[in-house]
Amino acid sequence: MTPVRLKELIKYKAYQVAPAELEAFLLSHPAVADAAVIPSPDEEAGEVPKAFLVMRNPMTVEEVLDFVAAHVAPYKKIRRVEFVEQLPKSRVGKLLRRVLREREWRGTNLGSQ
């Protein structure tokens, strides 16, 4: 397993969720072209996993949630989904989760839900 950067961990209730693990799982679905998972603020849980997805083929939010829920522990389930045209990346192609986190915590949407 890839080393996990502690500041990237999602703190869902008493659990810690690694975004890279959920991203790799989402990318295993043939309809998903690209994926990013970040913490999204939640009043009850503190943070919940939210996926930003670039799709090859259309899926509904419910289909995405069901796909993940059927294969991961309950505390790792994606709770929110946003479909986007593209994900922010550096010049060398590294995913810029920080940009997504900043927009999420400010309440700015990147695309449709």
Protein backbone atom coordinates (compact mmCIF):
# COMPACT_ATOMS: atom_id res chain seq x y z
CA MET A 1 0.00 0.00 0.00
CA THR A 2 1.16 3.53 -0.74
CA PRO A 3 2.21 5.58 2.28
CA VAL A 4 -0.68 7.79 3.41
CA ARG A 5 -0.11 11.46 4.03
CA LEU A 6 -1.76 12.14 7.37
CA LYS A 7 -3.13 15.53 6.32
CA GLU A 8 -5.00 13.85 3.44
CA LEU A 9 -6.85 11.38 5.67
CA ILE A 10 -10.58 11.90 6.00
CA LYS A 11 -11.70 11.84 9.62
CA TYR A 12 -15.13 10.22 9.50
CA LYS A 13 -16.48 9.91 13.05
CA ALA A 14 -13.82 7.86 14.91
CA TYR A 15 -12.32 6.42 11.69
CA GLN A 16 -9.64 7.54 9.27
CA VAL A 17 -10.26 7.00 5.57
CA ALA A 18 -7.50 7.15 2.94
CA PRO A 19 -8.71 9.03 -0.17
CA ALA A 20 -6.26 7.20 -2.49
CA GLU A 21 -7.82 3.84 -1.60
CA LEU A 22 -11.30 5.04 -2.58
CA GLU A 23 -9.96 6.74 -5.73
CA ALA A 24 -8.29 3.52 -6.87
CA PHE A 25 -11.52 1.61 -6.26
CA LEU A 26 -13.63 4.17 -8.17
CA LEU A 27 -11.19 4.03 -11.09
CA SER A 28 -11.77 0.27 -11.31
CA HIS A 29 -15.28 0.99 -12.64
CA PRO A 30 -15.29 1.13 -16.47
CA ALA A 31 -17.56 4.22 -16.52
CA VAL A 32 -15.13 6.31 -14.42
CA ALA A 33 -12.36 8.13 -16.32
CA ASP A 34 -10.86 9.99 -13.36
CA ALA A 35 -11.58 10.34 -9.65
CA ALA A 36 -10.63 12.40 -6.63
CA VAL A 37 -11.85 11.90 -3.06
CA ILE A 38 -11.63 14.62 -0.43
CA PRO A 39 -13.10 15.35 3.00
CA SER A 40 -16.36 17.28 2.85
CA PRO A 41 -17.53 19.10 5.99
CA ASP A 42 -20.41 17.40 7.80
CA GLU A 43 -22.18 18.64 10.93
CA GLU A 44 -22.75 15.19 12.40
CA ALA A 45 -19.63 13.25 11.35
CA GLY A 46 -17.08 16.06 11.12
CA GLU A 47 -15.99 15.01 7.62
CA VAL A 48 -17.41 12.64 5.03
CA PRO A 49 -15.79 11.23 1.88
CA LYS A 50 -16.84 13.12 -1.26
CA ALA A 51 -15.93 11.95 -4.76
CA PHE A 52 -15.34 14.21 -7.74
CA LEU A 53 -15.75 12.09 -10.87
CA VAL A 54 -14.96 12.52 -14.55
CA MET A 55 -17.13 10.02 -16.38
CA ARG A 56 -16.57 7.98 -19.57
CA ASN A 57 -20.20 6.85 -19.51
CA PRO A 58 -23.09 8.28 -17.50
CA MET A 59 -23.93 6.96 -14.04
CA THR A 60 -26.31 8.34 -11.45
CA VAL A 61 -25.17 9.42 -8.00
CA GLU A 62 -27.09 6.46 -6.58
CA GLU A 63 -25.27 4.01 -8.88
CA VAL A 64 -21.90 5.37 -7.73
CA LEU A 65 -22.89 5.22 -4.05
CA ASP A 66 -24.22 1.66 -4.43
CA PHE A 67 -21.09 0.49 -6.28
CA VAL A 68 -18.81 1.72 -3.51
CA ALA A 69 -21.08 0.63 -0.63
CA ALA A 70 -21.20 -2.95 -1.95
CA HIS A 71 -17.41 -3.31 -1.73
CA VAL A 72 -16.04 -1.24 1.17
CA ALA A 73 -16.49 -1.07 4.93
CA PRO A 74 -19.44 1.11 5.98
CA TYR A 75 -17.22 3.87 7.36
CA LYS A 76 -15.38 4.13 4.01
CA LYS A 77 -18.52 4.68 1.93
CA ILE A 78 -18.64 7.71 -0.34
CA ARG A 79 -21.33 10.03 1.06
CA ARG A 80 -21.36 12.74 -1.63
CA VAL A 81 -20.64 12.78 -5.37
CA GLU A 82 -20.02 15.60 -7.80
CA PHE A 83 -19.59 15.03 -11.54
CA VAL A 84 -17.02 17.34 -13.16
CA GLU A 85 -15.55 17.83 -16.64
CA GLN A 86 -11.98 17.59 -15.35
CA LEU A 87 -9.97 17.47 -12.14
CA PRO A 88 -7.37 20.07 -11.20
CA LYS A 89 -3.87 18.74 -11.86
CA SER A 90 -0.34 20.09 -11.75
CA ARG A 91 1.76 20.51 -14.90
CA VAL A 92 3.15 17.01 -14.39
CA GLY A 93 -0.33 15.51 -13.98
CA LYS A 94 -0.47 15.18 -10.17
CA LEU A 95 -3.96 15.50 -8.72
CA LEU A 96 -4.37 18.76 -6.77
CA ARG A 97 -6.67 17.64 -3.95
CA ARG A 98 -5.85 20.89 -2.13
CA VAL A 99 -7.73 22.90 -4.80
CA LEU A 100 -10.80 20.67 -4.43
CA ARG A 101 -10.62 20.84 -0.61
CA GLU A 102 -10.40 24.63 -0.61
CA ARG A 103 -13.39 24.97 -2.94
CA GLU A 104 -15.41 22.41 -0.96
CA TRP A 105 -14.79 24.05 2.40
CA ARG A 106 -15.64 27.48 0.94
CA GLY A 107 -18.82 26.03 -0.60
CA THR A 108 -17.86 26.61 -4.25
CA ASN A 109 -19.09 23.97 -6.70
CA LEU A 110 -17.01 22.82 -9.67
CA GLY A 111 -19.83 21.26 -11.63
CA SER A 112 -23.23 19.68 -11.37
CA GLN A 113 -24.22 17.13 -8.76
